[in-house]
């Protein structure tokens, strides 16, 4: 019998939905949103930007296997969420959900416009 592993973000239904929506975006949009999340999360926990830059530069995607590990910005954004309190995470989810949903609607509009 196979055991299923639950990721830390899957324990909260809103965060899980947020992550699923984020995962379905094109990588360019994921990266844009990720940078904004990093900045917002860093401000919330008063984190030094120079440390963040060094984390991104030393990142090696071969060490990880999750969907968000392919891009260092997306990886760092998701890991930054883990450092926040649940209230701070909820604030980020609320703030960035509209941007993510709008990106999905744009994607759907492009599909509908195809001949």
C-alpha atoms as a PDB file:
ATOM      1  CA  UNK A   1       0.000   0.000   0.000  1.00  0.00           C
ATOM      2  CA  UNK A   2       1.403   3.358  -1.050  1.00  0.00           C
ATOM      3  CA  UNK A   3       1.575   6.163   1.523  1.00  0.00           C
ATOM      4  CA  UNK A   4       0.687   9.650   0.393  1.00  0.00           C
ATOM      5  CA  UNK A   5       2.848  12.495   1.622  1.00  0.00           C
ATOM      6  CA  UNK A   6       1.123  15.730   2.586  1.00  0.00           C
ATOM      7  CA  UNK A   7       3.114  18.875   1.928  1.00  0.00           C
ATOM      8  CA  UNK A   8       3.091  21.619   4.550  1.00  0.00           C
ATOM      9  CA  UNK A   9       0.922  23.892   2.408  1.00  0.00           C
ATOM     10  CA  UNK A  10      -1.668  21.166   1.739  1.00  0.00           C
ATOM     11  CA  UNK A  11      -2.827  21.266   5.359  1.00  0.00           C
ATOM     12  CA  UNK A  12      -4.605  24.590   4.739  1.00  0.00           C
ATOM     13  CA  UNK A  13      -7.294  24.363   2.052  1.00  0.00           C
ATOM     14  CA  UNK A  14      -6.911  27.994   0.932  1.00  0.00           C
ATOM     15  CA  UNK A  15      -3.137  27.790   0.738  1.00  0.00           C
ATOM     16  CA  UNK A  16      -3.426  24.495  -1.133  1.00  0.00           C
ATOM     17  CA  UNK A  17      -5.813  26.080  -3.669  1.00  0.00           C
ATOM     18  CA  UNK A  18      -3.485  29.090  -3.979  1.00  0.00           C
ATOM     19  CA  UNK A  19      -0.534  26.797  -4.679  1.00  0.00           C
ATOM     20  CA  UNK A  20      -2.496  24.772  -7.252  1.00  0.00           C
ATOM     21  CA  UNK A  21      -3.495  27.949  -9.084  1.00  0.00           C
ATOM     22  CA  UNK A  22       0.078  29.210  -8.948  1.00  0.00           C
ATOM     23  CA  UNK A  23       1.370  25.900 -10.293  1.00  0.00           C
ATOM     24  CA  UNK A  24      -0.878  26.110 -13.347  1.00  0.00           C
ATOM     25  CA  UNK A  25       0.470  29.506 -14.439  1.00  0.00           C
ATOM     26  CA  UNK A  26       3.126  29.966 -17.118  1.00  0.00           C
ATOM     27  CA  UNK A  27       6.593  30.127 -15.562  1.00  0.00           C
ATOM     28  CA  UNK A  28       7.054  33.804 -16.506  1.00  0.00           C
ATOM     29  CA  UNK A  29       3.951  34.815 -14.540  1.00  0.00           C
ATOM     30  CA  UNK A  30       4.911  32.492 -11.672  1.00  0.00           C
ATOM     31  CA  UNK A  31       8.253  34.273 -11.513  1.00  0.00           C
ATOM     32  CA  UNK A  32       6.687  37.760 -11.511  1.00  0.00           C
ATOM     33  CA  UNK A  33       4.319  36.843  -8.713  1.00  0.00           C
ATOM     34  CA  UNK A  34       7.105  35.053  -6.834  1.00  0.00           C
ATOM     35  CA  UNK A  35       9.280  38.165  -6.764  1.00  0.00           C
ATOM     36  CA  UNK A  36       6.359  40.192  -5.391  1.00  0.00           C
ATOM     37  CA  UNK A  37       5.707  37.513  -2.743  1.00  0.00           C
ATOM     38  CA  UNK A  38       9.385  37.508  -1.743  1.00  0.00           C
ATOM     39  CA  UNK A  39       9.358  41.277  -1.289  1.00  0.00           C
ATOM     40  CA  UNK A  40       6.085  41.240   0.681  1.00  0.00           C
ATOM     41  CA  UNK A  41       7.127  38.305   2.886  1.00  0.00           C
ATOM     42  CA  UNK A  42      10.537  39.865   3.511  1.00  0.00           C
ATOM     43  CA  UNK A  43       8.905  43.095   4.628  1.00  0.00           C
ATOM     44  CA  UNK A  44       6.623  41.172   6.984  1.00  0.00           C
ATOM     45  CA  UNK A  45       9.463  39.405   8.763  1.00  0.00           C
ATOM     46  CA  UNK A  46      12.030  42.195   8.327  1.00  0.00           C
ATOM     47  CA  UNK A  47      14.367  39.993   6.301  1.00  0.00           C
ATOM     48  CA  UNK A  48      17.546  41.315   4.706  1.00  0.00           C
ATOM     49  CA  UNK A  49      17.414  41.464   0.893  1.00  0.00           C
ATOM     50  CA  UNK A  50      21.142  40.709   0.560  1.00  0.00           C
ATOM     51  CA  UNK A  51      20.538  37.344   2.205  1.00  0.00           C
ATOM     52  CA  UNK A  52      17.741  36.652  -0.271  1.00  0.00           C
ATOM     53  CA  UNK A  53      19.988  37.486  -3.222  1.00  0.00           C
ATOM     54  CA  UNK A  54      22.663  35.123  -1.945  1.00  0.00           C
ATOM     55  CA  UNK A  55      20.054  32.373  -1.489  1.00  0.00           C
ATOM     56  CA  UNK A  56      18.905  32.782  -5.087  1.00  0.00           C
ATOM     57  CA  UNK A  57      22.461  32.807  -6.427  1.00  0.00           C
ATOM     58  CA  UNK A  58      23.452  29.667  -4.528  1.00  0.00           C
ATOM     59  CA  UNK A  59      20.273  27.791  -5.473  1.00  0.00           C
ATOM     60  CA  UNK A  60      20.680  24.452  -7.241  1.00  0.00           C
ATOM     61  CA  UNK A  61      17.416  23.010  -8.630  1.00  0.00           C
ATOM     62  CA  UNK A  62      18.954  19.541  -8.902  1.00  0.00           C
ATOM     63  CA  UNK A  63      18.659  19.268  -5.119  1.00  0.00           C
ATOM     64  CA  UNK A  64      14.845  19.455  -5.185  1.00  0.00           C
ATOM     65  CA  UNK A  65      11.971  17.633  -6.860  1.00  0.00           C
ATOM     66  CA  UNK A  66       8.856  19.770  -6.255  1.00  0.00           C
ATOM     67  CA  UNK A  67       7.095  21.717  -9.015  1.00  0.00           C
ATOM     68  CA  UNK A  68       8.191  25.050  -7.579  1.00  0.00           C
ATOM     69  CA  UNK A  69      11.843  24.059  -7.342  1.00  0.00           C
ATOM     70  CA  UNK A  70      12.487  24.561 -11.064  1.00  0.00           C
ATOM     71  CA  UNK A  71      12.852  28.326 -10.657  1.00  0.00           C
ATOM     72  CA  UNK A  72      14.855  29.842  -7.786  1.00  0.00           C
ATOM     73  CA  UNK A  73      12.493  32.806  -7.409  1.00  0.00           C
ATOM     74  CA  UNK A  74       9.411  30.602  -7.183  1.00  0.00           C
ATOM     75  CA  UNK A  75      11.198  28.242  -4.797  1.00  0.00           C
ATOM     76  CA  UNK A  76      12.267  31.087  -2.538  1.00  0.00           C
ATOM     77  CA  UNK A  77       8.791  32.643  -2.578  1.00  0.00           C
ATOM     78  CA  UNK A  78       7.140  29.396  -1.507  1.00  0.00           C
ATOM     79  CA  UNK A  79       9.762  28.762   1.153  1.00  0.00           C
ATOM     80  CA  UNK A  80       9.291  32.354   2.370  1.00  0.00           C
ATOM     81  CA  UNK A  81       5.625  31.594   2.941  1.00  0.00           C
ATOM     82  CA  UNK A  82       6.651  28.807   5.283  1.00  0.00           C
ATOM     83  CA  UNK A  83       8.510  31.328   7.484  1.00  0.00           C
ATOM     84  CA  UNK A  84       5.378  33.425   8.019  1.00  0.00           C
ATOM     85  CA  UNK A  85       2.653  33.099  10.607  1.00  0.00           C
ATOM     86  CA  UNK A  86      -0.674  31.749   9.386  1.00  0.00           C
ATOM     87  CA  UNK A  87      -2.114  35.280   9.551  1.00  0.00           C
ATOM     88  CA  UNK A  88       0.719  36.661   7.413  1.00  0.00           C
ATOM     89  CA  UNK A  89       0.313  33.789   4.920  1.00  0.00           C
ATOM     90  CA  UNK A  90      -3.419  34.489   4.721  1.00  0.00           C
ATOM     91  CA  UNK A  91      -2.681  38.138   3.970  1.00  0.00           C
ATOM     92  CA  UNK A  92      -0.373  37.186   1.090  1.00  0.00           C
ATOM     93  CA  UNK A  93      -2.856  34.635  -0.259  1.00  0.00           C
ATOM     94  CA  UNK A  94      -5.602  37.287  -0.230  1.00  0.00           C
ATOM     95  CA  UNK A  95      -3.347  39.911  -1.823  1.00  0.00           C
ATOM     96  CA  UNK A  96      -2.016  37.735  -4.650  1.00  0.00           C
ATOM     97  CA  UNK A  97      -5.068  35.549  -5.354  1.00  0.00           C
ATOM     98  CA  UNK A  98      -6.637  38.191  -7.566  1.00  0.00           C
ATOM     99  CA  UNK A  99      -3.473  38.531  -9.639  1.00  0.00           C
ATOM    100  CA  UNK A 100      -3.249  34.750 -10.036  1.00  0.00           C
ATOM    101  CA  UNK A 101      -6.925  34.401 -10.938  1.00  0.00           C
ATOM    102  CA  UNK A 102      -6.699  37.267 -13.432  1.00  0.00           C
ATOM    103  CA  UNK A 103      -3.747  35.524 -15.058  1.00  0.00           C
ATOM    104  CA  UNK A 104      -5.863  32.384 -15.396  1.00  0.00           C
ATOM    105  CA  UNK A 105      -8.706  34.370 -16.958  1.00  0.00           C
ATOM    106  CA  UNK A 106      -6.282  35.912 -19.454  1.00  0.00           C
ATOM    107  CA  UNK A 107      -5.039  32.411 -20.284  1.00  0.00           C
ATOM    108  CA  UNK A 108      -8.632  31.209 -20.808  1.00  0.00           C
ATOM    109  CA  UNK A 109      -9.417  34.198 -23.020  1.00  0.00           C
ATOM    110  CA  UNK A 110      -6.393  33.401 -25.185  1.00  0.00           C
ATOM    111  CA  UNK A 111      -7.568  29.803 -25.582  1.00  0.00           C
ATOM    112  CA  UNK A 112     -11.076  30.907 -26.542  1.00  0.00           C
ATOM    113  CA  UNK A 113      -9.679  33.326 -29.142  1.00  0.00           C
ATOM    114  CA  UNK A 114      -7.803  30.552 -30.913  1.00  0.00           C
ATOM    115  CA  UNK A 115      -9.269  29.556 -34.318  1.00  0.00           C
END
